[in-house]
Amino acid sequence: MVGESLVNSVAFSPDGETAATASVEKTVKLWNLEGKLLQTLIGHNDRVNGVVFSPDGETIATASDDNTVKLWNLEGKLLQTLTGHKDRVNSVAFNPDGETTATASADETVKLWNQQGKLLQTLIG
């Protein structure tokens, strides 16, 4: 079916050696620069809208229409699921030191989380 593997987002690792793609097929794929598939991250229940590497390159964060953000290691192991948004999560970002994750949702909020997955702050509007 056309559009089944539509890619919504792409990000490079900090070292520039790996690309991550987020798709409507509920997965994130990690690729080397020669186009070889390295890993498929499976765990979201709906399309994945955003993907980003942490500044140290050790963690990948993914934002999804399933209202969650998931944190993964480079081997594809799910480390944590951030829950609290009431609608799809459109994007995710790490602050420069990697200590805080920001998530932006269609519920008209941005949430700030610490490395342990604790909600620190909700920005409304």
N, C-alpha and C. Protein backbone atom coordinates (compact mmCIF):
# COMPACT_ATOMS: atom_id res chain seq x y z
N MET A 1 0.84 -1.19 0.00
CA MET A 1 0.00 0.00 0.00
C MET A 1 0.89 1.25 0.00
N VAL A 2 0.54 2.22 -0.79
CA VAL A 2 1.29 3.46 -0.86
C VAL A 2 1.18 4.20 0.48
N GLY A 3 2.30 4.77 0.94
CA GLY A 3 2.30 5.54 2.18
C GLY A 3 2.48 4.71 3.43
N GLU A 4 2.51 3.39 3.29
CA GLU A 4 2.63 2.50 4.43
C GLU A 4 3.92 2.70 5.20
N SER A 5 4.99 3.05 4.50
CA SER A 5 6.28 3.24 5.14
C SER A 5 6.72 4.70 5.14
N LEU A 6 5.77 5.60 5.09
CA LEU A 6 6.04 7.03 5.09
C LEU A 6 6.95 7.39 6.27
N VAL A 7 8.04 8.09 5.98
CA VAL A 7 8.97 8.52 7.02
C VAL A 7 8.57 9.92 7.49
N ASN A 8 8.38 10.06 8.80
CA ASN A 8 7.95 11.33 9.39
C ASN A 8 9.10 12.18 9.88
N SER A 9 10.22 11.54 10.23
CA SER A 9 11.31 12.28 10.84
C SER A 9 12.61 11.51 10.62
N VAL A 10 13.72 12.26 10.60
CA VAL A 10 15.04 11.66 10.50
C VAL A 10 16.00 12.44 11.37
N ALA A 11 16.97 11.74 11.96
CA ALA A 11 17.98 12.39 12.80
C ALA A 11 19.30 11.67 12.65
N PHE A 12 20.39 12.42 12.74
CA PHE A 12 21.72 11.84 12.75
C PHE A 12 22.22 11.72 14.18
N SER A 13 22.99 10.69 14.44
CA SER A 13 23.68 10.56 15.72
C SER A 13 24.72 11.67 15.82
N PRO A 14 25.14 12.05 17.04
CA PRO A 14 26.12 13.12 17.18
C PRO A 14 27.43 12.87 16.44
N ASP A 15 27.83 11.61 16.30
CA ASP A 15 29.07 11.31 15.58
C ASP A 15 28.87 11.25 14.06
N GLY A 16 27.62 11.40 13.61
CA GLY A 16 27.32 11.42 12.20
C GLY A 16 27.37 10.07 11.51
N GLU A 17 27.52 8.99 12.26
CA GLU A 17 27.68 7.66 11.68
C GLU A 17 26.38 6.88 11.52
N THR A 18 25.33 7.31 12.21
CA THR A 18 24.06 6.59 12.20
C THR A 18 22.92 7.56 11.93
N ALA A 19 21.96 7.11 11.11
CA ALA A 19 20.74 7.87 10.88
C ALA A 19 19.57 7.07 11.45
N ALA A 20 18.64 7.78 12.06
CA ALA A 20 17.42 7.16 12.59
C ALA A 20 16.24 7.72 11.82
N THR A 21 15.33 6.84 11.40
CA THR A 21 14.13 7.27 10.69
C THR A 21 12.90 6.81 11.46
N ALA A 22 11.93 7.71 11.60
CA ALA A 22 10.67 7.41 12.28
C ALA A 22 9.56 7.32 11.25
N SER A 23 8.70 6.32 11.36
CA SER A 23 7.71 6.12 10.30
C SER A 23 6.30 5.86 10.82
N VAL A 24 5.35 5.91 9.88
CA VAL A 24 3.96 5.64 10.20
C VAL A 24 3.73 4.16 10.49
N GLU A 25 4.70 3.32 10.17
CA GLU A 25 4.54 1.89 10.44
C GLU A 25 4.87 1.52 11.89
N LYS A 26 4.90 2.54 12.78
CA LYS A 26 5.07 2.37 14.23
C LYS A 26 6.49 1.98 14.65
N THR A 27 7.45 2.19 13.76
CA THR A 27 8.82 1.79 14.07
C THR A 27 9.80 2.94 13.86
N VAL A 28 10.98 2.75 14.42
CA VAL A 28 12.14 3.60 14.14
C VAL A 28 13.23 2.66 13.66
N LYS A 29 13.91 3.06 12.60
CA LYS A 29 14.98 2.24 12.06
C LYS A 29 16.30 3.00 12.14
N LEU A 30 17.35 2.27 12.49
CA LEU A 30 18.70 2.83 12.56
C LEU A 30 19.48 2.30 11.37
N TRP A 31 20.18 3.21 10.68
CA TRP A 31 20.90 2.89 9.45
C TRP A 31 22.34 3.39 9.54
N ASN A 32 23.25 2.67 8.90
CA ASN A 32 24.58 3.24 8.74
C ASN A 32 24.60 4.09 7.47
N LEU A 33 25.69 4.76 7.21
CA LEU A 33 25.74 5.69 6.07
C LEU A 33 25.81 4.99 4.72
N GLU A 34 26.02 3.68 4.73
CA GLU A 34 26.00 2.91 3.48
C GLU A 34 24.60 2.39 3.18
N GLY A 35 23.63 2.69 4.04
CA GLY A 35 22.26 2.27 3.83
C GLY A 35 21.91 0.92 4.42
N LYS A 36 22.79 0.37 5.25
CA LYS A 36 22.51 -0.92 5.88
C LYS A 36 21.65 -0.70 7.12
N LEU A 37 20.58 -1.47 7.23
CA LEU A 37 19.73 -1.42 8.41
C LEU A 37 20.46 -2.05 9.58
N LEU A 38 20.61 -1.29 10.67
CA LEU A 38 21.33 -1.77 11.85
C LEU A 38 20.38 -2.30 12.92
N GLN A 39 19.23 -1.66 13.06
CA GLN A 39 18.32 -1.98 14.16
C GLN A 39 16.93 -1.45 13.84
N THR A 40 15.90 -2.16 14.29
CA THR A 40 14.53 -1.68 14.21
C THR A 40 13.98 -1.60 15.62
N LEU A 41 13.51 -0.42 16.00
CA LEU A 41 12.95 -0.20 17.34
C LEU A 41 11.45 -0.39 17.26
N ILE A 42 10.94 -1.40 17.95
CA ILE A 42 9.52 -1.74 17.91
C ILE A 42 8.95 -1.62 19.31
N GLY A 43 7.83 -0.90 19.45
CA GLY A 43 7.22 -0.77 20.77
C GLY A 43 6.09 0.24 20.82
N HIS A 44 6.05 1.15 19.86
CA HIS A 44 4.95 2.11 19.83
C HIS A 44 3.70 1.44 19.27
N ASN A 45 2.54 1.95 19.70
CA ASN A 45 1.26 1.41 19.25
C ASN A 45 0.62 2.22 18.13
N ASP A 46 1.31 3.25 17.67
CA ASP A 46 0.80 4.09 16.59
C ASP A 46 1.98 4.72 15.89
N ARG A 47 1.71 5.53 14.88
CA ARG A 47 2.78 6.13 14.08
C ARG A 47 3.78 6.89 14.94
N VAL A 48 5.03 6.89 14.49
CA VAL A 48 6.09 7.61 15.18
C VAL A 48 6.34 8.92 14.44
N ASN A 49 6.23 10.03 15.16
CA ASN A 49 6.31 11.37 14.55
C ASN A 49 7.68 12.01 14.64
N GLY A 50 8.45 11.65 15.66
CA GLY A 50 9.73 12.31 15.86
C GLY A 50 10.76 11.36 16.43
N VAL A 51 12.01 11.65 16.10
CA VAL A 51 13.12 10.86 16.63
C VAL A 51 14.31 11.79 16.83
N VAL A 52 15.08 11.56 17.91
CA VAL A 52 16.25 12.37 18.20
C VAL A 52 17.24 11.54 19.02
N PHE A 53 18.52 11.81 18.80
CA PHE A 53 19.58 11.21 19.61
C PHE A 53 19.91 12.14 20.76
N SER A 54 20.27 11.56 21.90
CA SER A 54 20.78 12.36 23.02
C SER A 54 22.13 12.94 22.62
N PRO A 55 22.56 14.02 23.28
CA PRO A 55 23.84 14.63 22.93
C PRO A 55 25.05 13.68 23.01
N ASP A 56 25.00 12.69 23.91
CA ASP A 56 26.11 11.74 23.99
C ASP A 56 25.98 10.59 23.00
N GLY A 57 24.83 10.55 22.28
CA GLY A 57 24.62 9.53 21.27
C GLY A 57 24.24 8.16 21.80
N GLU A 58 24.02 8.05 23.10
CA GLU A 58 23.74 6.75 23.72
C GLU A 58 22.26 6.42 23.82
N THR A 59 21.40 7.43 23.71
CA THR A 59 19.96 7.23 23.87
C THR A 59 19.23 7.82 22.67
N ILE A 60 18.16 7.15 22.28
CA ILE A 60 17.29 7.63 21.20
C ILE A 60 15.92 7.86 21.82
N ALA A 61 15.31 9.01 21.54
CA ALA A 61 13.96 9.30 22.01
C ALA A 61 13.04 9.34 20.81
N THR A 62 11.85 8.74 20.97
CA THR A 62 10.87 8.69 19.89
C THR A 62 9.52 9.21 20.39
N ALA A 63 8.85 10.01 19.55
CA ALA A 63 7.56 10.60 19.88
C ALA A 63 6.50 10.00 18.98
N SER A 64 5.32 9.69 19.55
CA SER A 64 4.33 8.92 18.79
C SER A 64 2.90 9.42 18.95
N ASP A 65 2.07 9.02 17.99
CA ASP A 65 0.63 9.25 18.05
C ASP A 65 -0.02 8.43 19.17
N ASP A 66 0.72 7.50 19.80
CA ASP A 66 0.16 6.74 20.92
C ASP A 66 0.25 7.52 22.24
N ASN A 67 0.57 8.83 22.15
CA ASN A 67 0.62 9.75 23.30
C ASN A 67 1.84 9.54 24.19
N THR A 68 2.82 8.80 23.72
CA THR A 68 4.00 8.53 24.54
C THR A 68 5.28 8.94 23.84
N VAL A 69 6.33 9.03 24.66
CA VAL A 69 7.71 9.14 24.18
C VAL A 69 8.44 7.95 24.77
N LYS A 70 9.24 7.30 23.96
CA LYS A 70 10.01 6.16 24.42
C LYS A 70 11.49 6.47 24.30
N LEU A 71 12.26 5.99 25.27
CA LEU A 71 13.71 6.13 25.27
C LEU A 71 14.31 4.75 25.07
N TRP A 72 15.28 4.67 24.15
CA TRP A 72 15.88 3.40 23.74
C TRP A 72 17.40 3.51 23.81
N ASN A 73 18.07 2.35 23.95
CA ASN A 73 19.51 2.35 23.76
C ASN A 73 19.81 2.00 22.30
N LEU A 74 21.07 2.03 21.93
CA LEU A 74 21.45 1.82 20.53
C LEU A 74 21.25 0.38 20.08
N GLU A 75 21.09 -0.54 21.02
CA GLU A 75 20.84 -1.94 20.68
C GLU A 75 19.35 -2.22 20.48
N GLY A 76 18.52 -1.18 20.65
CA GLY A 76 17.08 -1.34 20.45
C GLY A 76 16.31 -1.74 21.67
N LYS A 77 16.95 -1.71 22.84
CA LYS A 77 16.26 -2.04 24.08
C LYS A 77 15.49 -0.82 24.58
N LEU A 78 14.22 -1.04 24.89
CA LEU A 78 13.40 0.02 25.47
C LEU A 78 13.86 0.29 26.89
N LEU A 79 14.23 1.54 27.17
CA LEU A 79 14.71 1.93 28.49
C LEU A 79 13.60 2.50 29.36
N GLN A 80 12.70 3.26 28.72
CA GLN A 80 11.70 3.98 29.48
C GLN A 80 10.58 4.47 28.56
N THR A 81 9.37 4.57 29.10
CA THR A 81 8.24 5.17 28.40
C THR A 81 7.75 6.36 29.21
N LEU A 82 7.71 7.52 28.57
CA LEU A 82 7.23 8.74 29.21
C LEU A 82 5.75 8.89 28.88
N THR A 83 4.92 8.88 29.90
CA THR A 83 3.47 9.00 29.71
C THR A 83 2.96 10.22 30.46
N GLY A 84 1.91 10.81 29.96
CA GLY A 84 1.32 11.97 30.62
C GLY A 84 0.62 12.90 29.65
N HIS A 85 0.97 12.81 28.37
CA HIS A 85 0.26 13.62 27.38
C HIS A 85 -1.11 13.02 27.11
N LYS A 86 -2.06 13.90 26.77
CA LYS A 86 -3.44 13.47 26.52
C LYS A 86 -3.76 13.37 25.03
N ASP A 87 -2.77 13.62 24.19
CA ASP A 87 -2.95 13.54 22.74
C ASP A 87 -1.60 13.17 22.13
N ARG A 88 -1.56 13.03 20.82
CA ARG A 88 -0.33 12.58 20.15
C ARG A 88 0.85 13.49 20.50
N VAL A 89 2.02 12.89 20.54
CA VAL A 89 3.25 13.64 20.77
C VAL A 89 3.91 13.86 19.41
N ASN A 90 4.11 15.12 19.07
CA ASN A 90 4.61 15.48 17.74
C ASN A 90 6.12 15.55 17.64
N SER A 91 6.78 15.92 18.74
CA SER A 91 8.23 16.04 18.68
C SER A 91 8.84 15.87 20.06
N VAL A 92 10.15 15.62 20.03
CA VAL A 92 10.90 15.41 21.26
C VAL A 92 12.29 15.99 21.05
N ALA A 93 12.88 16.53 22.13
CA ALA A 93 14.22 17.11 22.05
C ALA A 93 14.93 16.93 23.39
N PHE A 94 16.25 16.83 23.33
CA PHE A 94 17.08 16.82 24.53
C PHE A 94 17.69 18.20 24.70
N ASN A 95 17.88 18.64 25.96
CA ASN A 95 18.65 19.87 26.15
C ASN A 95 20.12 19.53 25.90
N PRO A 96 21.00 20.53 25.73
CA PRO A 96 22.38 20.28 25.33
C PRO A 96 23.18 19.35 26.23
N ASP A 97 22.88 19.31 27.54
CA ASP A 97 23.64 18.40 28.41
C ASP A 97 22.99 17.02 28.53
N GLY A 98 21.83 16.83 27.90
CA GLY A 98 21.16 15.54 27.91
C GLY A 98 20.42 15.22 29.19
N GLU A 99 20.36 16.16 30.12
CA GLU A 99 19.73 15.92 31.41
C GLU A 99 18.21 16.06 31.38
N THR A 100 17.70 16.81 30.42
CA THR A 100 16.27 17.07 30.34
C THR A 100 15.77 16.76 28.94
N THR A 101 14.59 16.15 28.88
CA THR A 101 13.92 15.85 27.62
C THR A 101 12.66 16.70 27.56
N ALA A 102 12.41 17.33 26.40
CA ALA A 102 11.19 18.10 26.19
C ALA A 102 10.32 17.37 25.18
N THR A 103 9.02 17.31 25.46
CA THR A 103 8.07 16.66 24.56
C THR A 103 6.95 17.65 24.21
N ALA A 104 6.58 17.70 22.94
CA ALA A 104 5.54 18.62 22.48
C ALA A 104 4.37 17.82 21.93
N SER A 105 3.16 18.17 22.37
CA SER A 105 1.99 17.37 22.06
C SER A 105 0.86 18.19 21.45
N ALA A 106 -0.01 17.48 20.76
CA ALA A 106 -1.24 18.08 20.24
C ALA A 106 -2.20 18.45 21.37
N ASP A 107 -1.91 18.05 22.60
CA ASP A 107 -2.73 18.46 23.74
C ASP A 107 -2.40 19.88 24.19
N GLU A 108 -1.59 20.57 23.37
CA GLU A 108 -1.21 21.97 23.58
C GLU A 108 -0.31 22.17 24.80
N THR A 109 0.50 21.15 25.10
CA THR A 109 1.46 21.27 26.18
C THR A 109 2.85 20.85 25.70
N VAL A 110 3.84 21.36 26.41
CA VAL A 110 5.22 20.87 26.34
C VAL A 110 5.54 20.37 27.73
N LYS A 111 6.08 19.17 27.82
CA LYS A 111 6.45 18.61 29.12
C LYS A 111 7.96 18.44 29.17
N LEU A 112 8.52 18.75 30.34
CA LEU A 112 9.95 18.59 30.58
C LEU A 112 10.14 17.45 31.56
N TRP A 113 11.06 16.53 31.22
CA TRP A 113 11.29 15.31 31.99
C TRP A 113 12.76 15.21 32.37
N ASN A 114 13.06 14.60 33.52
CA ASN A 114 14.46 14.35 33.86
C ASN A 114 14.89 12.99 33.28
N GLN A 115 16.14 12.63 33.47
CA GLN A 115 16.68 11.38 32.91
C GLN A 115 16.01 10.14 33.46
N GLN A 116 15.43 10.24 34.65
CA GLN A 116 14.76 9.10 35.24
C GLN A 116 13.30 8.98 34.80
N GLY A 117 12.85 9.90 33.92
CA GLY A 117 11.48 9.85 33.44
C GLY A 117 10.47 10.56 34.32
N LYS A 118 10.96 11.33 35.29
CA LYS A 118 10.06 12.09 36.18
C LYS A 118 9.67 13.39 35.49
N LEU A 119 8.38 13.69 35.50
CA LEU A 119 7.87 14.94 34.94
C LEU A 119 8.31 16.09 35.82
N LEU A 120 9.00 17.07 35.23
CA LEU A 120 9.51 18.22 35.96
C LEU A 120 8.59 19.43 35.85
N GLN A 121 8.02 19.61 34.65
CA GLN A 121 7.26 20.84 34.39
C GLN A 121 6.35 20.62 33.19
N THR A 122 5.18 21.24 33.21
CA THR A 122 4.27 21.26 32.06
C THR A 122 4.07 22.70 31.64
N LEU A 123 4.40 22.99 30.38
CA LEU A 123 4.19 24.32 29.81
C LEU A 123 2.91 24.26 29.00
N ILE A 124 1.97 25.14 29.29
CA ILE A 124 0.65 25.09 28.66
C ILE A 124 0.49 26.24 27.68
N GLY A 125 -0.12 25.89 26.51
CA GLY A 125 -0.48 26.93 25.55
C GLY A 125 0.24 26.89 24.27
